[in-house]
Amino acid sequence: MYNISLNFRIAVNAEMNDLIKIISTNFDDFYKDDFSERSFLLGDNFVEIVKNDDYDIRLSNEDDDAYLYYKYNIDFYPKSEHVLLSYQIKLAKRIRDLFRKETIKAEIISEFEHLL
C-alpha cells in the first residue's frame, strides 16, 4: 500500500504579517512564541513560512504555473504519527479558502492533491 505524506505546502502571494494575522485570528489552536517570526504551531502541525527564492512578481500574476513564483511557501509538518490524512486535507482546504476569501492567491501543494 502506498503511503501518502501528510506534509503539505500552501504557496501564497502576500506579505508574511498578513498571512500570520489571517491564520492566528481564525484558529483557536494557533500558538506562536517570540523566538521565531516565521514558525508557529497550529493544531497538530508545526508550521514554517519560507520566502520563495523563485519569487517573481510578474510571473506570479501571469504564468500558467504562477504558484511557483508566489512570494511565500507555508510548510505544514504533523507533530505526531497520529495525525490523519482527513485532518490534513480539511486543514489545507480551510487555510487556502481563508486566504482566497481575503483575495490572496493560494495553492495547495501536496501528495494528496488528487483528494482535494
PDB file of N, CA and C in Angstrom:
ATOM      1  N   MET A   1       0.837  -1.168   0.000  1.00  0.00           N
ATOM      2  CA  MET A   1       0.000   0.000   0.000  1.00  0.00           C
ATOM      3  C   MET A   1       0.890   1.242   0.000  1.00  0.00           C
ATOM      4  N   TYR A   2       0.542   2.214  -0.804  1.00  0.00           N
ATOM      5  CA  TYR A   2       1.305   3.444  -0.945  1.00  0.00           C
ATOM      6  C   TYR A   2       0.969   4.397   0.200  1.00  0.00           C
ATOM      7  N   ASN A   3       1.984   4.878   0.910  1.00  0.00           N
ATOM      8  CA  ASN A   3       1.785   5.847   1.979  1.00  0.00           C
ATOM      9  C   ASN A   3       1.881   7.257   1.417  1.00  0.00           C
ATOM     10  N   ILE A   4       0.897   8.072   1.712  1.00  0.00           N
ATOM     11  CA  ILE A   4       0.879   9.459   1.267  1.00  0.00           C
ATOM     12  C   ILE A   4       1.463  10.324   2.380  1.00  0.00           C
ATOM     13  N   SER A   5       2.393  11.182   2.024  1.00  0.00           N
ATOM     14  CA  SER A   5       2.963  12.102   3.005  1.00  0.00           C
ATOM     15  C   SER A   5       1.885  13.060   3.495  1.00  0.00           C
ATOM     16  N   LEU A   6       1.871  13.300   4.790  1.00  0.00           N
ATOM     17  CA  LEU A   6       0.900  14.222   5.371  1.00  0.00           C
ATOM     18  C   LEU A   6       1.428  15.648   5.423  1.00  0.00           C
ATOM     19  N   ASN A   7       2.696  15.837   5.085  1.00  0.00           N
ATOM     20  CA  ASN A   7       3.229  17.189   4.962  1.00  0.00           C
ATOM     21  C   ASN A   7       2.544  17.860   3.785  1.00  0.00           C
ATOM     22  N   PHE A   8       2.337  19.152   3.893  1.00  0.00           N
ATOM     23  CA  PHE A   8       1.838  19.878   2.734  1.00  0.00           C
ATOM     24  C   PHE A   8       2.346  21.302   2.763  1.00  0.00           C
ATOM     25  N   ARG A   9       2.201  21.950   1.631  1.00  0.00           N
ATOM     26  CA  ARG A   9       2.647  23.326   1.453  1.00  0.00           C
ATOM     27  C   ARG A   9       1.503  24.110   0.842  1.00  0.00           C
ATOM     28  N   ILE A  10       1.394  25.363   1.265  1.00  0.00           N
ATOM     29  CA  ILE A  10       0.489  26.288   0.597  1.00  0.00           C
ATOM     30  C   ILE A  10       1.346  27.431   0.081  1.00  0.00           C
ATOM     31  N   ALA A  11       1.369  27.593  -1.223  1.00  0.00           N
ATOM     32  CA  ALA A  11       2.081  28.701  -1.847  1.00  0.00           C
ATOM     33  C   ALA A  11       1.135  29.900  -1.824  1.00  0.00           C
ATOM     34  N   VAL A  12       1.649  31.040  -1.368  1.00  0.00           N
ATOM     35  CA  VAL A  12       0.802  32.232  -1.212  1.00  0.00           C
ATOM     36  C   VAL A  12       1.510  33.473  -1.723  1.00  0.00           C
ATOM     37  N   ASN A  13       0.715  34.389  -2.224  1.00  0.00           N
ATOM     38  CA  ASN A  13       1.240  35.641  -2.748  1.00  0.00           C
ATOM     39  C   ASN A  13       0.732  36.783  -1.881  1.00  0.00           C
ATOM     40  N   ALA A  14       1.403  36.980  -0.745  1.00  0.00           N
ATOM     41  CA  ALA A  14       1.026  38.038   0.189  1.00  0.00           C
ATOM     42  C   ALA A  14       2.182  38.295   1.134  1.00  0.00           C
ATOM     43  N   GLU A  15       2.013  39.292   1.983  1.00  0.00           N
ATOM     44  CA  GLU A  15       3.039  39.611   2.971  1.00  0.00           C
ATOM     45  C   GLU A  15       2.917  38.683   4.181  1.00  0.00           C
ATOM     46  N   MET A  16       4.046  38.376   4.804  1.00  0.00           N
ATOM     47  CA  MET A  16       4.056  37.426   5.917  1.00  0.00           C
ATOM     48  C   MET A  16       3.159  37.881   7.067  1.00  0.00           C
ATOM     49  N   ASN A  17       3.182  39.140   7.417  1.00  0.00           N
ATOM     50  CA  ASN A  17       2.343  39.626   8.520  1.00  0.00           C
ATOM     51  C   ASN A  17       0.865  39.381   8.256  1.00  0.00           C
ATOM     52  N   ASP A  18       0.441  39.540   7.009  1.00  0.00           N
ATOM     53  CA  ASP A  18      -0.959  39.283   6.646  1.00  0.00           C
ATOM     54  C   ASP A  18      -1.296  37.801   6.777  1.00  0.00           C
ATOM     55  N   LEU A  19      -0.366  36.952   6.378  1.00  0.00           N
ATOM     56  CA  LEU A  19      -0.587  35.506   6.451  1.00  0.00           C
ATOM     57  C   LEU A  19      -0.760  35.070   7.907  1.00  0.00           C
ATOM     58  N   ILE A  20       0.128  35.517   8.762  1.00  0.00           N
ATOM     59  CA  ILE A  20       0.058  35.147  10.182  1.00  0.00           C
ATOM     60  C   ILE A  20      -1.211  35.703  10.824  1.00  0.00           C
ATOM     61  N   LYS A  21      -1.568  36.918  10.483  1.00  0.00           N
ATOM     62  CA  LYS A  21      -2.780  37.523  11.048  1.00  0.00           C
ATOM     63  C   LYS A  21      -4.025  36.718  10.669  1.00  0.00           C
ATOM     64  N   ILE A  22      -4.134  36.340   9.417  1.00  0.00           N
ATOM     65  CA  ILE A  22      -5.304  35.575   8.969  1.00  0.00           C
ATOM     66  C   ILE A  22      -5.381  34.233   9.685  1.00  0.00           C
ATOM     67  N   ILE A  23      -4.261  33.535   9.775  1.00  0.00           N
ATOM     68  CA  ILE A  23      -4.264  32.226  10.438  1.00  0.00           C
ATOM     69  C   ILE A  23      -4.543  32.384  11.928  1.00  0.00           C
ATOM     70  N   SER A  24      -3.850  33.303  12.571  1.00  0.00           N
ATOM     71  CA  SER A  24      -3.983  33.432  14.032  1.00  0.00           C
ATOM     72  C   SER A  24      -5.379  33.864  14.468  1.00  0.00           C
ATOM     73  N   THR A  25      -6.063  34.642  13.652  1.00  0.00           N
ATOM     74  CA  THR A  25      -7.397  35.108  14.042  1.00  0.00           C
ATOM     75  C   THR A  25      -8.510  34.118  13.688  1.00  0.00           C
ATOM     76  N   ASN A  26      -8.174  33.071  12.952  1.00  0.00           N
ATOM     77  CA  ASN A  26      -9.196  32.110  12.537  1.00  0.00           C
ATOM     78  C   ASN A  26      -9.043  30.731  13.158  1.00  0.00           C
ATOM     79  N   PHE A  27      -8.012  30.538  13.987  1.00  0.00           N
ATOM     80  CA  PHE A  27      -7.783  29.241  14.608  1.00  0.00           C
ATOM     81  C   PHE A  27      -7.527  29.419  16.097  1.00  0.00           C
ATOM     82  N   ASP A  28      -8.299  28.722  16.917  1.00  0.00           N
ATOM     83  CA  ASP A  28      -8.106  28.775  18.370  1.00  0.00           C
ATOM     84  C   ASP A  28      -6.843  28.039  18.808  1.00  0.00           C
ATOM     85  N   ASP A  29      -6.386  27.085  17.999  1.00  0.00           N
ATOM     86  CA  ASP A  29      -5.223  26.284  18.385  1.00  0.00           C
ATOM     87  C   ASP A  29      -3.924  26.786  17.747  1.00  0.00           C
ATOM     88  N   PHE A  30      -3.868  28.086  17.469  1.00  0.00           N
ATOM     89  CA  PHE A  30      -2.670  28.745  16.955  1.00  0.00           C
ATOM     90  C   PHE A  30      -1.787  29.121  18.143  1.00  0.00           C
ATOM     91  N   TYR A  31      -0.500  28.791  18.061  1.00  0.00           N
ATOM     92  CA  TYR A  31       0.431  29.176  19.118  1.00  0.00           C
ATOM     93  C   TYR A  31       1.739  29.639  18.491  1.00  0.00           C
ATOM     94  N   LYS A  32       2.149  30.835  18.851  1.00  0.00           N
ATOM     95  CA  LYS A  32       3.403  31.388  18.353  1.00  0.00           C
ATOM     96  C   LYS A  32       4.172  31.961  19.531  1.00  0.00           C
ATOM     97  N   ASP A  33       5.444  31.584  19.631  1.00  0.00           N
ATOM     98  CA  ASP A  33       6.276  32.182  20.676  1.00  0.00           C
ATOM     99  C   ASP A  33       7.062  33.351  20.079  1.00  0.00           C
ATOM    100  N   ASP A  34       7.870  33.972  20.876  1.00  0.00           N
ATOM    101  CA  ASP A  34       8.619  35.150  20.432  1.00  0.00           C
ATOM    102  C   ASP A  34       9.968  34.815  19.806  1.00  0.00           C
ATOM    103  N   PHE A  35      10.314  33.544  19.709  1.00  0.00           N
ATOM    104  CA  PHE A  35      11.642  33.160  19.250  1.00  0.00           C
ATOM    105  C   PHE A  35      11.790  33.165  17.726  1.00  0.00           C
ATOM    106  N   SER A  36      10.717  32.962  17.029  1.00  0.00           N
ATOM    107  CA  SER A  36      10.796  32.914  15.567  1.00  0.00           C
ATOM    108  C   SER A  36       9.612  33.628  14.952  1.00  0.00           C
ATOM    109  N   GLU A  37       9.887  34.535  14.049  1.00  0.00           N
ATOM    110  CA  GLU A  37       8.787  35.224  13.383  1.00  0.00           C
ATOM    111  C   GLU A  37       8.198  34.390  12.250  1.00  0.00           C
ATOM    112  N   ARG A  38       8.882  33.338  11.838  1.00  0.00           N
ATOM    113  CA  ARG A  38       8.462  32.550  10.683  1.00  0.00           C
ATOM    114  C   ARG A  38       7.858  31.190  11.010  1.00  0.00           C
ATOM    115  N   SER A  39       7.791  30.814  12.269  1.00  0.00           N
ATOM    116  CA  SER A  39       7.256  29.493  12.594  1.00  0.00           C
ATOM    117  C   SER A  39       6.290  29.573  13.765  1.00  0.00           C
ATOM    118  N   PHE A  40       5.381  28.591  13.807  1.00  0.00           N
ATOM    119  CA  PHE A  40       4.374  28.531  14.857  1.00  0.00           C
ATOM    120  C   PHE A  40       3.758  27.142  14.878  1.00  0.00           C
ATOM    121  N   LEU A  41       2.940  26.892  15.870  1.00  0.00           N
ATOM    122  CA  LEU A  41       2.185  25.642  15.959  1.00  0.00           C
ATOM    123  C   LEU A  41       0.737  25.940  15.599  1.00  0.00           C
ATOM    124  N   LEU A  42       0.158  25.014  14.872  1.00  0.00           N
ATOM    125  CA  LEU A  42      -1.252  25.115  14.519  1.00  0.00           C
ATOM    126  C   LEU A  42      -1.859  23.731  14.654  1.00  0.00           C
ATOM    127  N   GLY A  43      -2.668  23.555  15.698  1.00  0.00           N
ATOM    128  CA  GLY A  43      -3.259  22.240  15.939  1.00  0.00           C
ATOM    129  C   GLY A  43      -2.180  21.197  16.077  1.00  0.00           C
ATOM    130  N   ASP A  44      -2.245  20.183  15.251  1.00  0.00           N
ATOM    131  CA  ASP A  44      -1.290  19.083  15.284  1.00  0.00           C
ATOM    132  C   ASP A  44      -0.142  19.256  14.298  1.00  0.00           C
ATOM    133  N   ASN A  45       0.155  20.502  13.933  1.00  0.00           N
ATOM    134  CA  ASN A  45       1.205  20.766  12.947  1.00  0.00           C
ATOM    135  C   ASN A  45       2.191  21.823  13.419  1.00  0.00           C
ATOM    136  N   PHE A  46       3.452  21.580  13.061  1.00  0.00           N
ATOM    137  CA  PHE A  46       4.468  22.614  13.138  1.00  0.00           C
ATOM    138  C   PHE A  46       4.417  23.315  11.787  1.00  0.00           C
ATOM    139  N   VAL A  47       4.424  24.636  11.790  1.00  0.00           N
ATOM    140  CA  VAL A  47       4.266  25.394  10.552  1.00  0.00           C
ATOM    141  C   VAL A  47       5.435  26.364  10.398  1.00  0.00           C
ATOM    142  N   GLU A  48       5.936  26.447   9.178  1.00  0.00           N
ATOM    143  CA  GLU A  48       7.036  27.361   8.889  1.00  0.00           C
ATOM    144  C   GLU A  48       6.733  28.129   7.605  1.00  0.00           C
ATOM    145  N   ILE A  49       6.919  29.434   7.658  1.00  0.00           N
ATOM    146  CA  ILE A  49       6.738  30.276   6.478  1.00  0.00           C
ATOM    147  C   ILE A  49       8.120  30.552   5.900  1.00  0.00           C
ATOM    148  N   VAL A  50       8.270  30.226   4.617  1.00  0.00           N
ATOM    149  CA  VAL A  50       9.568  30.333   3.962  1.00  0.00           C
ATOM    150  C   VAL A  50       9.442  31.227   2.735  1.00  0.00           C
ATOM    151  N   LYS A  51      10.332  32.207   2.639  1.00  0.00           N
ATOM    152  CA  LYS A  51      10.341  33.076   1.456  1.00  0.00           C
ATOM    153  C   LYS A  51      10.757  32.246   0.246  1.00  0.00           C
ATOM    154  N   ASN A  52      10.023  32.395  -0.831  1.00  0.00           N
ATOM    155  CA  ASN A  52      10.292  31.654  -2.060  1.00  0.00           C
ATOM    156  C   ASN A  52      11.436  32.332  -2.811  1.00  0.00           C
ATOM    157  N   ASP A  53      12.542  31.625  -2.974  1.00  0.00           N
ATOM    158  CA  ASP A  53      13.693  32.165  -3.693  1.00  0.00           C
ATOM    159  C   ASP A  53      13.385  32.449  -5.162  1.00  0.00           C
ATOM    160  N   ASP A  54      12.361  31.797  -5.686  1.00  0.00           N
ATOM    161  CA  ASP A  54      11.979  31.987  -7.088  1.00  0.00           C
ATOM    162  C   ASP A  54      10.896  33.047  -7.263  1.00  0.00           C
ATOM    163  N   TYR A  55      10.597  33.779  -6.195  1.00  0.00           N
ATOM    164  CA  TYR A  55       9.545  34.803  -6.271  1.00  0.00           C
ATOM    165  C   TYR A  55       9.793  35.752  -7.429  1.00  0.00           C
ATOM    166  N   ASP A  56       8.742  35.951  -8.218  1.00  0.00           N
ATOM    167  CA  ASP A  56       8.802  36.871  -9.353  1.00  0.00           C
ATOM    168  C   ASP A  56       7.431  37.513  -9.470  1.00  0.00           C
ATOM    169  N   ILE A  57       7.371  38.807  -9.244  1.00  0.00           N
ATOM    170  CA  ILE A  57       6.089  39.493  -9.206  1.00  0.00           C
ATOM    171  C   ILE A  57       5.326  39.357 -10.530  1.00  0.00           C
ATOM    172  N   ARG A  58       6.019  39.428 -11.637  1.00  0.00           N
ATOM    173  CA  ARG A  58       5.357  39.327 -12.940  1.00  0.00           C
ATOM    174  C   ARG A  58       4.843  37.904 -13.183  1.00  0.00           C
ATOM    175  N   LEU A  59       5.715  36.907 -12.989  1.00  0.00           N
ATOM    176  CA  LEU A  59       5.313  35.529 -13.235  1.00  0.00           C
ATOM    177  C   LEU A  59       4.251  35.048 -12.246  1.00  0.00           C
ATOM    178  N   SER A  60       4.254  35.603 -11.039  1.00  0.00           N
ATOM    179  CA  SER A  60       3.254  35.185 -10.047  1.00  0.00           C
ATOM    180  C   SER A  60       1.854  35.663 -10.407  1.00  0.00           C
ATOM    181  N   ASN A  61       1.774  36.563 -11.364  1.00  0.00           N
ATOM    182  CA  ASN A  61       0.474  37.062 -11.808  1.00  0.00           C
ATOM    183  C   ASN A  61       0.103  36.634 -13.215  1.00  0.00           C
ATOM    184  N   GLU A  62       1.084  36.134 -13.987  1.00  0.00           N
ATOM    185  CA  GLU A  62       0.828  35.871 -15.400  1.00  0.00           C
ATOM    186  C   GLU A  62       1.054  34.430 -15.841  1.00  0.00           C
ATOM    187  N   ASP A  63       1.973  33.748 -15.229  1.00  0.00           N
ATOM    188  CA  ASP A  63       2.397  32.435 -15.698  1.00  0.00           C
ATOM    189  C   ASP A  63       1.330  31.373 -15.446  1.00  0.00           C
ATOM    190  N   ASP A  64       1.288  30.330 -16.302  1.00  0.00           N
ATOM    191  CA  ASP A  64       0.358  29.213 -16.109  1.00  0.00           C
ATOM    192  C   ASP A  64       0.599  28.516 -14.774  1.00  0.00           C
ATOM    193  N   ASP A  65       1.837  28.426 -14.364  1.00  0.00           N
ATOM    194  CA  ASP A  65       2.205  27.842 -13.069  1.00  0.00           C
ATOM    195  C   ASP A  65       2.588  28.950 -12.099  1.00  0.00           C
ATOM    196  N   ALA A  66       1.756  29.955 -11.992  1.00  0.00           N
ATOM    197  CA  ALA A  66       2.057  31.158 -11.207  1.00  0.00           C
ATOM    198  C   ALA A  66       2.422  30.844  -9.760  1.00  0.00           C
ATOM    199  N   TYR A  67       1.819  29.808  -9.183  1.00  0.00           N
ATOM    200  CA  TYR A  67       2.086  29.482  -7.782  1.00  0.00           C
ATOM    201  C   TYR A  67       3.563  29.190  -7.514  1.00  0.00           C
ATOM    202  N   LEU A  68       4.298  28.782  -8.539  1.00  0.00           N
ATOM    203  CA  LEU A  68       5.730  28.525  -8.381  1.00  0.00           C
ATOM    204  C   LEU A  68       6.502  29.805  -8.089  1.00  0.00           C
ATOM    205  N   TYR A  69       5.889  30.937  -8.368  1.00  0.00           N
ATOM    206  CA  TYR A  69       6.550  32.228  -8.224  1.00  0.00           C
ATOM    207  C   TYR A  69       5.916  33.109  -7.151  1.00  0.00           C
ATOM    208  N   TYR A  70       5.020  32.534  -6.339  1.00  0.00           N
ATOM    209  CA  TYR A  70       4.403  33.288  -5.250  1.00  0.00           C
ATOM    210  C   TYR A  70       5.474  33.656  -4.225  1.00  0.00           C
ATOM    211  N   LYS A  71       5.176  34.641  -3.413  1.00  0.00           N
ATOM    212  CA  LYS A  71       6.166  35.216  -2.501  1.00  0.00           C
ATOM    213  C   LYS A  71       6.605  34.273  -1.377  1.00  0.00           C
ATOM    214  N   TYR A  72       5.656  33.513  -0.819  1.00  0.00           N
ATOM    215  CA  TYR A  72       5.970  32.644   0.316  1.00  0.00           C
ATOM    216  C   TYR A  72       5.410  31.242   0.121  1.00  0.00           C
ATOM    217  N   ASN A  73       6.061  30.293   0.791  1.00  0.00           N
ATOM    218  CA  ASN A  73       5.547  28.936   0.939  1.00  0.00           C
ATOM    219  C   ASN A  73       5.319  28.706   2.427  1.00  0.00           C
ATOM    220  N   ILE A  74       4.144  28.193   2.757  1.00  0.00           N
ATOM    221  CA  ILE A  74       3.841  27.854   4.143  1.00  0.00           C
ATOM    222  C   ILE A  74       3.873  26.336   4.228  1.00  0.00           C
ATOM    223  N   ASP A  75       4.818  25.809   4.993  1.00  0.00           N
ATOM    224  CA  ASP A  75       5.013  24.361   5.102  1.00  0.00           C
ATOM    225  C   ASP A  75       4.415  23.843   6.403  1.00  0.00           C
ATOM    226  N   PHE A  76       3.652  22.761   6.296  1.00  0.00           N
ATOM    227  CA  PHE A  76       2.964  22.140   7.427  1.00  0.00           C
ATOM    228  C   PHE A  76       3.530  20.743   7.646  1.00  0.00           C
ATOM    229  N   TYR A  77       3.951  20.485   8.890  1.00  0.00           N
ATOM    230  CA  TYR A  77       4.532  19.200   9.259  1.00  0.00           C
ATOM    231  C   TYR A  77       3.786  18.647  10.472  1.00  0.00           C
ATOM    232  N   PRO A  78       3.164  17.480  10.354  1.00  0.00           N
ATOM    233  CA  PRO A  78       2.470  16.895  11.513  1.00  0.00           C
ATOM    234  C   PRO A  78       3.430  16.696  12.684  1.00  0.00           C
ATOM    235  N   LYS A  79       2.933  16.977  13.892  1.00  0.00           N
ATOM    236  CA  LYS A  79       3.751  16.831  15.105  1.00  0.00           C
ATOM    237  C   LYS A  79       3.804  15.401  15.601  1.00  0.00           C
ATOM    238  N   SER A  80       2.886  14.556  15.162  1.00  0.00           N
ATOM    239  CA  SER A  80       2.897  13.167  15.626  1.00  0.00           C
ATOM    240  C   SER A  80       2.436  12.246  14.509  1.00  0.00           C
ATOM    241  N   GLU A  81       2.639  10.971  14.738  1.00  0.00           N
ATOM    242  CA  GLU A  81       2.223   9.979  13.746  1.00  0.00           C
ATOM    243  C   GLU A  81       0.728   9.688  13.809  1.00  0.00           C
ATOM    244  N   HIS A  82       0.034  10.303  14.753  1.00  0.00           N
ATOM    245  CA  HIS A  82      -1.395  10.058  14.923  1.00  0.00           C
ATOM    246  C   HIS A  82      -2.275  11.013  14.119  1.00  0.00           C
ATOM    247  N   VAL A  83      -1.665  11.945  13.398  1.00  0.00           N
ATOM    248  CA  VAL A  83      -2.421  12.878  12.567  1.00  0.00           C
ATOM    249  C   VAL A  83      -2.986  12.108  11.378  1.00  0.00           C
ATOM    250  N   LEU A  84      -4.244  12.355  11.067  1.00  0.00           N
ATOM    251  CA  LEU A  84      -4.926  11.647   9.985  1.00  0.00           C
ATOM    252  C   LEU A  84      -4.889  12.442   8.684  1.00  0.00           C
ATOM    253  N   LEU A  85      -4.896  11.734   7.581  1.00  0.00           N
ATOM    254  CA  LEU A  85      -4.951  12.357   6.264  1.00  0.00           C
ATOM    255  C   LEU A  85      -6.180  13.253   6.154  1.00  0.00           C
ATOM    256  N   SER A  86      -7.308  12.795   6.640  1.00  0.00           N
ATOM    257  CA  SER A  86      -8.542  13.589   6.539  1.00  0.00           C
ATOM    258  C   SER A  86      -8.396  14.928   7.266  1.00  0.00           C
ATOM    259  N   TYR A  87      -7.689  14.928   8.396  1.00  0.00           N
ATOM    260  CA  TYR A  87      -7.442  16.173   9.145  1.00  0.00           C
ATOM    261  C   TYR A  87      -6.592  17.132   8.313  1.00  0.00           C
ATOM    262  N   GLN A  88      -5.536  16.609   7.694  1.00  0.00           N
ATOM    263  CA  GLN A  88      -4.643  17.445   6.903  1.00  0.00           C
ATOM    264  C   GLN A  88      -5.362  18.030   5.681  1.00  0.00           C
ATOM    265  N   ILE A  89      -6.202  17.227   5.051  1.00  0.00           N
ATOM    266  CA  ILE A  89      -6.957  17.707   3.892  1.00  0.00           C
ATOM    267  C   ILE A  89      -7.885  18.844   4.300  1.00  0.00           C
ATOM    268  N   LYS A  90      -8.624  18.662   5.391  1.00  0.00           N
ATOM    269  CA  LYS A  90      -9.536  19.714   5.862  1.00  0.00           C
ATOM    270  C   LYS A  90      -8.778  20.978   6.232  1.00  0.00           C
ATOM    271  N   LEU A  91      -7.640  20.823   6.903  1.00  0.00           N
ATOM    272  CA  LEU A  91      -6.843  21.963   7.306  1.00  0.00           C
ATOM    273  C   LEU A  91      -6.320  22.723   6.086  1.00  0.00           C
ATOM    274  N   ALA A  92      -5.763  21.997   5.134  1.00  0.00           N
ATOM    275  CA  ALA A  92      -5.216  22.627   3.930  1.00  0.00           C
ATOM    276  C   ALA A  92      -6.298  23.399   3.184  1.00  0.00           C
ATOM    277  N   LYS A  93      -7.449  22.788   3.000  1.00  0.00           N
ATOM    278  CA  LYS A  93      -8.536  23.453   2.287  1.00  0.00           C
ATOM    279  C   LYS A  93      -9.056  24.668   3.047  1.00  0.00           C
ATOM    280  N   ARG A  94      -9.166  24.548   4.361  1.00  0.00           N
ATOM    281  CA  ARG A  94      -9.670  25.665   5.155  1.00  0.00           C
ATOM    282  C   ARG A  94      -8.733  26.871   5.064  1.00  0.00           C
ATOM    283  N   ILE A  95      -7.443  26.631   5.178  1.00  0.00           N
ATOM    284  CA  ILE A  95      -6.484  27.736   5.117  1.00  0.00           C
ATOM    285  C   ILE A  95      -6.457  28.350   3.721  1.00  0.00           C
ATOM    286  N   ARG A  96      -6.424  27.518   2.705  1.00  0.00           N
ATOM    287  CA  ARG A  96      -6.448  28.040   1.333  1.00  0.00           C
ATOM    288  C   ARG A  96      -7.682  28.910   1.119  1.00  0.00           C
ATOM    289  N   ASP A  97      -8.818  28.429   1.585  1.00  0.00           N
ATOM    290  CA  ASP A  97     -10.067  29.174   1.392  1.00  0.00           C
ATOM    291  C   ASP A  97     -10.090  30.480   2.179  1.00  0.00           C
ATOM    292  N   LEU A  98      -9.488  30.484   3.370  1.00  0.00           N
ATOM    293  CA  LEU A  98      -9.393  31.733   4.140  1.00  0.00           C
ATOM    294  C   LEU A  98      -8.571  32.773   3.381  1.00  0.00           C
ATOM    295  N   PHE A  99      -7.460  32.353   2.801  1.00  0.00           N
ATOM    296  CA  PHE A  99      -6.642  33.279   2.030  1.00  0.00           C
ATOM    297  C   PHE A  99      -7.400  33.789   0.811  1.00  0.00           C
ATOM    298  N   ARG A 100      -8.035  32.891   0.104  1.00  0.00           N
ATOM    299  CA  ARG A 100      -8.770  33.294  -1.099  1.00  0.00           C
ATOM    300  C   ARG A 100      -9.912  34.248  -0.761  1.00  0.00           C
ATOM    301  N   LYS A 101     -10.535  34.050   0.373  1.00  0.00           N
ATOM    302  CA  LYS A 101     -11.606  34.959   0.819  1.00  0.00           C
ATOM    303  C   LYS A 101     -11.064  36.377   0.990  1.00  0.00           C
ATOM    304  N   GLU A 102      -9.795  36.480   1.351  1.00  0.00           N
ATOM    305  CA  GLU A 102      -9.135  37.780   1.525  1.00  0.00           C
ATOM    306  C   GLU A 102      -8.454  38.226   0.225  1.00  0.00           C
ATOM    307  N   THR A 103      -8.794  37.585  -0.882  1.00  0.00           N
ATOM    308  CA  THR A 103      -8.234  37.841  -2.226  1.00  0.00           C
ATOM    309  C   THR A 103      -6.727  37.628  -2.299  1.00  0.00           C
ATOM    310  N   ILE A 104      -6.235  36.693  -1.519  1.00  0.00           N
ATOM    311  CA  ILE A 104      -4.829  36.292  -1.581  1.00  0.00           C
ATOM    312  C   ILE A 104      -4.739  35.020  -2.409  1.00  0.00           C
ATOM    313  N   LYS A 105      -3.882  35.052  -3.410  1.00  0.00           N
ATOM    314  CA  LYS A 105      -3.674  33.864  -4.234  1.00  0.00           C
ATOM    315  C   LYS A 105      -3.020  32.786  -3.391  1.00  0.00           C
ATOM    316  N   ALA A 106      -3.586  31.571  -3.434  1.00  0.00           N
ATOM    317  CA  ALA A 106      -3.079  30.466  -2.617  1.00  0.00           C
ATOM    318  C   ALA A 106      -3.327  29.140  -3.324  1.00  0.00           C
ATOM    319  N   GLU A 107      -2.313  28.280  -3.322  1.00  0.00           N
ATOM    320  CA  GLU A 107      -2.414  26.948  -3.928  1.00  0.00           C
ATOM    321  C   GLU A 107      -1.825  25.903  -2.991  1.00  0.00           C
ATOM    322  N   ILE A 108      -2.527  24.789  -2.855  1.00  0.00           N
ATOM    323  CA  ILE A 108      -2.053  23.674  -2.036  1.00  0.00           C
ATOM    324  C   ILE A 108      -1.141  22.793  -2.888  1.00  0.00           C
ATOM    325  N   ILE A 109       0.000  22.441  -2.312  1.00  0.00           N
ATOM    326  CA  ILE A 109       0.956  21.555  -2.973  1.00  0.00           C
ATOM    327  C   ILE A 109       1.188  20.386  -2.016  1.00  0.00           C
ATOM    328  N   SER A 110       0.829  19.172  -2.461  1.00  0.00           N
ATOM    329  CA  SER A 110       0.947  18.011  -1.576  1.00  0.00           C
ATOM    330  C   SER A 110       0.856  16.729  -2.376  1.00  0.00           C
ATOM    331  N   GLU A 111       1.161  15.640  -1.708  1.00  0.00           N
ATOM    332  CA  GLU A 111       0.968  14.327  -2.324  1.00  0.00           C
ATOM    333  C   GLU A 111      -0.500  13.955  -2.353  1.00  0.00           C
ATOM    334  N   PHE A 112      -1.336  14.654  -1.589  1.00  0.00           N
ATOM    335  CA  PHE A 112      -2.762  14.315  -1.544  1.00  0.00           C
ATOM    336  C   PHE A 112      -3.621  15.294  -2.359  1.00  0.00           C
ATOM    337  N   GLU A 113      -2.981  16.030  -3.274  1.00  0.00           N
ATOM    338  CA  GLU A 113      -3.719  16.992  -4.105  1.00  0.00           C
ATOM    339  C   GLU A 113      -4.904  16.347  -4.819  1.00  0.00           C
ATOM    340  N   HIS A 114      -4.726  15.124  -5.270  1.00  0.00           N
ATOM    341  CA  HIS A 114      -5.778  14.441  -6.020  1.00  0.00           C
ATOM    342  C   HIS A 114      -7.004  14.149  -5.148  1.00  0.00           C
ATOM    343  N   LEU A 115      -6.897  14.301  -3.835  1.00  0.00           N
ATOM    344  CA  LEU A 115      -8.008  14.033  -2.934  1.00  0.00           C
ATOM    345  C   LEU A 115      -8.741  15.316  -2.512  1.00  0.00           C
ATOM    346  N   LEU A 116      -8.253  16.454  -2.967  1.00  0.00           N
ATOM    347  CA  LEU A 116      -8.852  17.735  -2.583  1.00  0.00           C
ATOM    348  C   LEU A 116     -10.165  17.983  -3.321  1.00  0.00           C
TER     349      LEU A 116
END
